[in-house]
PDB file of N, CA and C in Angstrom:
ATOM      1  N   MET A   1       8.204 -49.618  26.520  1.00  0.00           N
ATOM      2  CA  MET A   1       7.821 -50.126  24.978  1.00  0.00           C
ATOM      3  C   MET A   1       6.863 -49.583  24.953  1.00  0.00           C
ATOM      4  N   VAL A   2       5.972 -49.461  25.670  1.00  0.00           N
ATOM      5  CA  VAL A   2       4.470 -48.568  25.235  1.00  0.00           C
ATOM      6  C   VAL A   2       5.008 -47.951  24.751  1.00  0.00           C
ATOM      7  N   LEU A   3       5.186 -46.789  25.145  1.00  0.00           N
ATOM      8  CA  LEU A   3       5.493 -45.188  25.461  1.00  0.00           C
ATOM      9  C   LEU A   3       6.184 -45.540  23.721  1.00  0.00           C
ATOM     10  N   THR A   4       6.966 -45.737  23.476  1.00  0.00           N
ATOM     11  CA  THR A   4       7.537 -45.533  22.318  1.00  0.00           C
ATOM     12  C   THR A   4       6.627 -45.974  21.231  1.00  0.00           C
ATOM     13  N   TRP A   5       5.698 -47.392  21.242  1.00  0.00           N
ATOM     14  CA  TRP A   5       5.037 -47.667  19.843  1.00  0.00           C
ATOM     15  C   TRP A   5       3.752 -46.726  20.026  1.00  0.00           C
ATOM     16  N   LEU A   6       3.682 -45.695  20.833  1.00  0.00           N
ATOM     17  CA  LEU A   6       2.994 -44.553  20.873  1.00  0.00           C
ATOM     18  C   LEU A   6       2.803 -43.617  20.694  1.00  0.00           C
ATOM     19  N   ALA A   7       4.617 -43.448  20.817  1.00  0.00           N
ATOM     20  CA  ALA A   7       5.068 -42.211  20.059  1.00  0.00           C
ATOM     21  C   ALA A   7       5.059 -42.387  18.301  1.00  0.00           C
ATOM     22  N   ILE A   8       5.417 -43.964  17.804  1.00  0.00           N
ATOM     23  CA  ILE A   8       5.752 -43.840  16.656  1.00  0.00           C
ATOM     24  C   ILE A   8       4.552 -43.452  16.167  1.00  0.00           C
ATOM     25  N   ILE A   9       3.395 -44.908  16.576  1.00  0.00           N
ATOM     26  CA  ILE A   9       2.182 -44.288  16.161  1.00  0.00           C
ATOM     27  C   ILE A   9       1.580 -42.742  15.777  1.00  0.00           C
ATOM     28  N   ALA A  10       1.904 -41.989  16.905  1.00  0.00           N
ATOM     29  CA  ALA A  10       0.778 -40.582  16.848  1.00  0.00           C
ATOM     30  C   ALA A  10       1.882 -39.248  15.606  1.00  0.00           C
ATOM     31  N   SER A  11       3.767 -40.418  15.654  1.00  0.00           N
ATOM     32  CA  SER A  11       4.263 -39.564  14.566  1.00  0.00           C
ATOM     33  C   SER A  11       3.882 -39.872  13.033  1.00  0.00           C
ATOM     34  N   LEU A  12       3.097 -41.601  13.269  1.00  0.00           N
ATOM     35  CA  LEU A  12       2.799 -41.702  11.694  1.00  0.00           C
ATOM     36  C   LEU A  12       1.450 -41.075  11.332  1.00  0.00           C
ATOM     37  N   LEU A  13       0.346 -41.075  12.171  1.00  0.00           N
ATOM     38  CA  LEU A  13      -0.818 -40.236  12.123  1.00  0.00           C
ATOM     39  C   LEU A  13      -0.610 -38.463  12.025  1.00  0.00           C
ATOM     40  N   MET A  14       0.248 -37.979  12.587  1.00  0.00           N
ATOM     41  CA  MET A  14       0.935 -36.839  12.251  1.00  0.00           C
ATOM     42  C   MET A  14       1.190 -36.402  10.876  1.00  0.00           C
ATOM     43  N   GLY A  15       1.873 -37.063  10.308  1.00  0.00           N
ATOM     44  CA  GLY A  15       2.794 -37.422   9.086  1.00  0.00           C
ATOM     45  C   GLY A  15       1.684 -37.549   8.255  1.00  0.00           C
ATOM     46  N   MET A  16       0.671 -38.753   8.300  1.00  0.00           N
ATOM     47  CA  MET A  16      -0.536 -38.834   6.997  1.00  0.00           C
ATOM     48  C   MET A  16      -1.536 -37.714   7.488  1.00  0.00           C
ATOM     49  N   GLY A  17      -1.886 -36.690   8.365  1.00  0.00           N
ATOM     50  CA  GLY A  17      -2.492 -36.035   8.409  1.00  0.00           C
ATOM     51  C   GLY A  17      -1.962 -34.465   7.596  1.00  0.00           C
ATOM     52  N   GLY A  18      -0.699 -34.922   7.842  1.00  0.00           N
ATOM     53  CA  GLY A  18      -0.148 -33.431   6.815  1.00  0.00           C
ATOM     54  C   GLY A  18      -0.104 -33.505   5.711  1.00  0.00           C
ATOM     55  N   VAL A  19      -0.059 -35.271   4.929  1.00  0.00           N
ATOM     56  CA  VAL A  19       0.046 -35.573   3.725  1.00  0.00           C
ATOM     57  C   VAL A  19      -1.361 -34.865   3.196  1.00  0.00           C
ATOM     58  N   PHE A  20      -2.541 -35.529   4.044  1.00  0.00           N
ATOM     59  CA  PHE A  20      -4.206 -35.446   3.357  1.00  0.00           C
ATOM     60  C   PHE A  20      -3.804 -33.819   3.712  1.00  0.00           C
ATOM     61  N   LEU A  21      -3.316 -32.964   4.669  1.00  0.00           N
ATOM     62  CA  LEU A  21      -3.773 -31.831   4.757  1.00  0.00           C
ATOM     63  C   LEU A  21      -3.429 -31.363   2.884  1.00  0.00           C
ATOM     64  N   PHE A  22      -2.046 -31.537   2.582  1.00  0.00           N
ATOM     65  CA  PHE A  22      -1.353 -30.848   1.558  1.00  0.00           C
ATOM     66  C   PHE A  22      -2.252 -31.487   0.281  1.00  0.00           C
ATOM     67  N   ILE A  23      -2.931 -32.661  -0.013  1.00  0.00           N
ATOM     68  CA  ILE A  23      -3.733 -33.575  -1.086  1.00  0.00           C
ATOM     69  C   ILE A  23      -5.164 -32.310  -0.949  1.00  0.00           C
ATOM     70  N   PHE A  24      -5.931 -31.829   0.119  1.00  0.00           N
ATOM     71  CA  PHE A  24      -6.584 -31.017   0.279  1.00  0.00           C
ATOM     72  C   PHE A  24      -6.704 -29.889  -0.529  1.00  0.00           C
ATOM     73  N   ALA A  25      -4.930 -29.178  -0.248  1.00  0.00           N
ATOM     74  CA  ALA A  25      -4.908 -27.901  -0.401  1.00  0.00           C
ATOM     75  C   ALA A  25      -4.114 -27.856  -1.924  1.00  0.00           C
ATOM     76  N   VAL A  26      -3.981 -28.751  -2.452  1.00  0.00           N
ATOM     77  CA  VAL A  26      -3.767 -29.489  -3.950  1.00  0.00           C
ATOM     78  C   VAL A  26      -5.178 -29.459  -4.859  1.00  0.00           C
ATOM     79  N   LYS A  27      -6.068 -29.708  -4.313  1.00  0.00           N
ATOM     80  CA  LYS A  27      -7.133 -30.317  -4.996  1.00  0.00           C
ATOM     81  C   LYS A  27      -7.706 -29.021  -4.637  1.00  0.00           C
ATOM     82  N   ARG A  28      -8.217 -28.306  -3.521  1.00  0.00           N
ATOM     83  CA  ARG A  28      -8.684 -26.691  -3.688  1.00  0.00           C
ATOM     84  C   ARG A  28      -8.070 -25.796  -4.414  1.00  0.00           C
ATOM     85  N   ASP A  29      -7.266 -25.789  -5.119  1.00  0.00           N
ATOM     86  CA  ASP A  29      -6.255 -24.970  -5.716  1.00  0.00           C
ATOM     87  C   ASP A  29      -5.608 -24.285  -4.948  1.00  0.00           C
ATOM     88  N   TYR A  30      -4.982 -23.895  -3.290  1.00  0.00           N
ATOM     89  CA  TYR A  30      -4.450 -23.683  -3.025  1.00  0.00           C
ATOM     90  C   TYR A  30      -3.818 -22.860  -3.214  1.00  0.00           C
ATOM     91  N   PHE A  31      -2.602 -23.447  -3.729  1.00  0.00           N
ATOM     92  CA  PHE A  31      -1.118 -23.382  -5.112  1.00  0.00           C
ATOM     93  C   PHE A  31      -1.566 -22.403  -6.135  1.00  0.00           C
ATOM     94  N   ARG A  32      -2.347 -21.916  -6.703  1.00  0.00           N
ATOM     95  CA  ARG A  32      -2.419 -21.634  -8.079  1.00  0.00           C
ATOM     96  C   ARG A  32      -1.486 -20.284  -7.931  1.00  0.00           C
ATOM     97  N   ASN A  33      -1.626 -19.178  -7.176  1.00  0.00           N
ATOM     98  CA  ASN A  33      -1.194 -18.276  -7.812  1.00  0.00           C
ATOM     99  C   ASN A  33      -0.025 -18.011  -6.258  1.00  0.00           C
ATOM    100  N   ILE A  34       1.073 -18.387  -5.968  1.00  0.00           N
ATOM    101  CA  ILE A  34       1.857 -18.039  -5.012  1.00  0.00           C
ATOM    102  C   ILE A  34       2.934 -16.692  -4.949  1.00  0.00           C
ATOM    103  N   GLU A  35       2.976 -16.466  -6.631  1.00  0.00           N
ATOM    104  CA  GLU A  35       4.105 -15.548  -6.683  1.00  0.00           C
ATOM    105  C   GLU A  35       3.456 -13.849  -6.306  1.00  0.00           C
ATOM    106  N   GLU A  36       1.784 -14.227  -6.631  1.00  0.00           N
ATOM    107  CA  GLU A  36       1.399 -13.068  -5.767  1.00  0.00           C
ATOM    108  C   GLU A  36       1.839 -11.967  -4.810  1.00  0.00           C
ATOM    109  N   THR A  37       1.410 -13.113  -3.954  1.00  0.00           N
ATOM    110  CA  THR A  37       1.675 -13.253  -2.211  1.00  0.00           C
ATOM    111  C   THR A  37       2.522 -12.820  -1.953  1.00  0.00           C
ATOM    112  N   LYS A  38       3.806 -13.556  -2.653  1.00  0.00           N
ATOM    113  CA  LYS A  38       5.159 -12.900  -2.316  1.00  0.00           C
ATOM    114  C   LYS A  38       6.161 -11.906  -2.592  1.00  0.00           C
ATOM    115  N   TYR A  39       5.142 -11.084  -3.664  1.00  0.00           N
ATOM    116  CA  TYR A  39       5.403  -9.565  -4.182  1.00  0.00           C
ATOM    117  C   TYR A  39       4.713  -8.734  -3.485  1.00  0.00           C
ATOM    118  N   GLN A  40       3.817  -9.010  -2.884  1.00  0.00           N
ATOM    119  CA  GLN A  40       2.596  -8.121  -1.918  1.00  0.00           C
ATOM    120  C   GLN A  40       3.334  -8.180  -0.626  1.00  0.00           C
ATOM    121  N   VAL A  41       3.894  -9.160  -0.272  1.00  0.00           N
ATOM    122  CA  VAL A  41       4.962  -9.052   0.763  1.00  0.00           C
ATOM    123  C   VAL A  41       6.168  -8.479   1.185  1.00  0.00           C
ATOM    124  N   PHE A  42       7.025  -8.582   0.017  1.00  0.00           N
ATOM    125  CA  PHE A  42       7.663  -7.683  -0.295  1.00  0.00           C
ATOM    126  C   PHE A  42       7.742  -6.298  -0.606  1.00  0.00           C
ATOM    127  N   TRP A  43       6.728  -5.434  -1.443  1.00  0.00           N
ATOM    128  CA  TRP A  43       6.281  -4.527  -1.014  1.00  0.00           C
ATOM    129  C   TRP A  43       5.923  -3.668  -0.565  1.00  0.00           C
ATOM    130  N   SER A  44       5.276  -4.471   0.623  1.00  0.00           N
ATOM    131  CA  SER A  44       4.837  -3.860   1.602  1.00  0.00           C
ATOM    132  C   SER A  44       6.044  -3.640   2.892  1.00  0.00           C
ATOM    133  N   ASP A  45       6.794  -4.338   2.602  1.00  0.00           N
ATOM    134  CA  ASP A  45       8.388  -4.505   3.378  1.00  0.00           C
ATOM    135  C   ASP A  45       8.945  -3.070   2.956  1.00  0.00           C
ATOM    136  N   VAL A  46       9.002  -3.081   1.222  1.00  0.00           N
ATOM    137  CA  VAL A  46       9.482  -1.621   0.681  1.00  0.00           C
ATOM    138  C   VAL A  46       9.040  -0.479   1.160  1.00  0.00           C
ATOM    139  N   GLU A  47       7.743  -0.853   0.927  1.00  0.00           N
ATOM    140  CA  GLU A  47       6.954   0.416   1.828  1.00  0.00           C
ATOM    141  C   GLU A  47       7.366   1.318   3.106  1.00  0.00           C
ATOM    142  N   GLU A  48       7.264  -0.123   4.077  1.00  0.00           N
ATOM    143  CA  GLU A  48       7.835   0.389   5.231  1.00  0.00           C
ATOM    144  C   GLU A  48       8.905   1.064   5.413  1.00  0.00           C
ATOM    145  N   LEU A  49       9.957   0.592   4.680  1.00  0.00           N
ATOM    146  CA  LEU A  49      11.335   1.137   4.864  1.00  0.00           C
ATOM    147  C   LEU A  49      11.427   2.082   4.168  1.00  0.00           C
ATOM    148  N   VAL A  50      10.507   2.738   3.035  1.00  0.00           N
ATOM    149  CA  VAL A  50      10.925   4.310   2.557  1.00  0.00           C
ATOM    150  C   VAL A  50       9.539   5.439   3.713  1.00  0.00           C
ATOM    151  N   ALA A  51       8.697   4.576   3.928  1.00  0.00           N
ATOM    152  CA  ALA A  51       8.231   5.677   4.829  1.00  0.00           C
ATOM    153  C   ALA A  51       9.068   5.937   5.905  1.00  0.00           C
ATOM    154  N   SER A  52       9.518   4.810   6.741  1.00  0.00           N
ATOM    155  CA  SER A  52      10.864   5.442   7.921  1.00  0.00           C
ATOM    156  C   SER A  52      11.368   6.211   7.391  1.00  0.00           C
ATOM    157  N   SER A  53      12.178   5.769   6.562  1.00  0.00           N
ATOM    158  CA  SER A  53      13.771   6.700   5.743  1.00  0.00           C
ATOM    159  C   SER A  53      12.665   7.957   5.428  1.00  0.00           C
ATOM    160  N   GLN A  54      12.024   8.541   5.013  1.00  0.00           N
ATOM    161  CA  GLN A  54      10.714   9.677   4.935  1.00  0.00           C
ATOM    162  C   GLN A  54      10.757  10.667   6.241  1.00  0.00           C
ATOM    163  N   GLU A  55      10.411   9.385   7.093  1.00  0.00           N
ATOM    164  CA  GLU A  55      10.197   9.989   8.689  1.00  0.00           C
ATOM    165  C   GLU A  55      11.163  10.427   9.135  1.00  0.00           C
ATOM    166  N   GLU A  56      12.623   9.651   8.744  1.00  0.00           N
ATOM    167  CA  GLU A  56      13.785  10.174   9.658  1.00  0.00           C
ATOM    168  C   GLU A  56      14.631  11.485   9.117  1.00  0.00           C
ATOM    169  N   GLN A  57      14.163  11.586   7.769  1.00  0.00           N
ATOM    170  CA  GLN A  57      14.616  12.700   7.026  1.00  0.00           C
ATOM    171  C   GLN A  57      13.445  13.783   7.649  1.00  0.00           C
ATOM    172  N   ARG A  58      12.610  13.309   7.914  1.00  0.00           N
ATOM    173  CA  ARG A  58      11.620  14.901   8.388  1.00  0.00           C
ATOM    174  C   ARG A  58      12.138  15.099   9.956  1.00  0.00           C
ATOM    175  N   ASN A  59      12.548  14.659  10.442  1.00  0.00           N
ATOM    176  CA  ASN A  59      12.987  14.904  11.923  1.00  0.00           C
ATOM    177  C   ASN A  59      13.989  15.103  11.759  1.00  0.00           C
ATOM    178  N   ASP A  60      14.963  14.900  10.655  1.00  0.00           N
ATOM    179  CA  ASP A  60      16.718  15.428  11.154  1.00  0.00           C
ATOM    180  C   ASP A  60      16.071  17.322  10.579  1.00  0.00           C
ATOM    181  N   ASN A  61      15.392  17.231   9.550  1.00  0.00           N
ATOM    182  CA  ASN A  61      15.129  18.367   8.564  1.00  0.00           C
ATOM    183  C   ASN A  61      14.717  19.247  10.197  1.00  0.00           C
ATOM    184  N   GLU A  62      13.714  18.935  10.979  1.00  0.00           N
ATOM    185  CA  GLU A  62      13.145  19.684  11.890  1.00  0.00           C
ATOM    186  C   GLU A  62      13.791  19.802  13.073  1.00  0.00           C
ATOM    187  N   LYS A  63      15.046  19.029  13.279  1.00  0.00           N
ATOM    188  CA  LYS A  63      16.187  19.468  14.230  1.00  0.00           C
ATOM    189  C   LYS A  63      17.347  20.376  13.506  1.00  0.00           C
ATOM    190  N   ASP A  64      16.976  20.700  12.381  1.00  0.00           N
ATOM    191  CA  ASP A  64      18.167  21.409  11.664  1.00  0.00           C
ATOM    192  C   ASP A  64      17.651  22.980  11.438  1.00  0.00           C
ATOM    193  N   GLN A  65      16.249  22.770  11.842  1.00  0.00           N
ATOM    194  CA  GLN A  65      16.018  24.265  11.763  1.00  0.00           C
ATOM    195  C   GLN A  65      15.319  24.887  13.139  1.00  0.00           C
TER     196      GLN A  65
END
């Protein structure tokens, strides 16, 4: 029974820690412009796909010659 109460208290403390971390991030304005970050990740993925596609085309052209 002691372990059960210990687990409950630990989970409540972790939950409160998450809430305090969220409040801290909102007050520090960390969530101000999350759209820009999304597009940075998106475009970096697209650039990698284009680069790998161009590399494959170069390899195919070298094999044909």
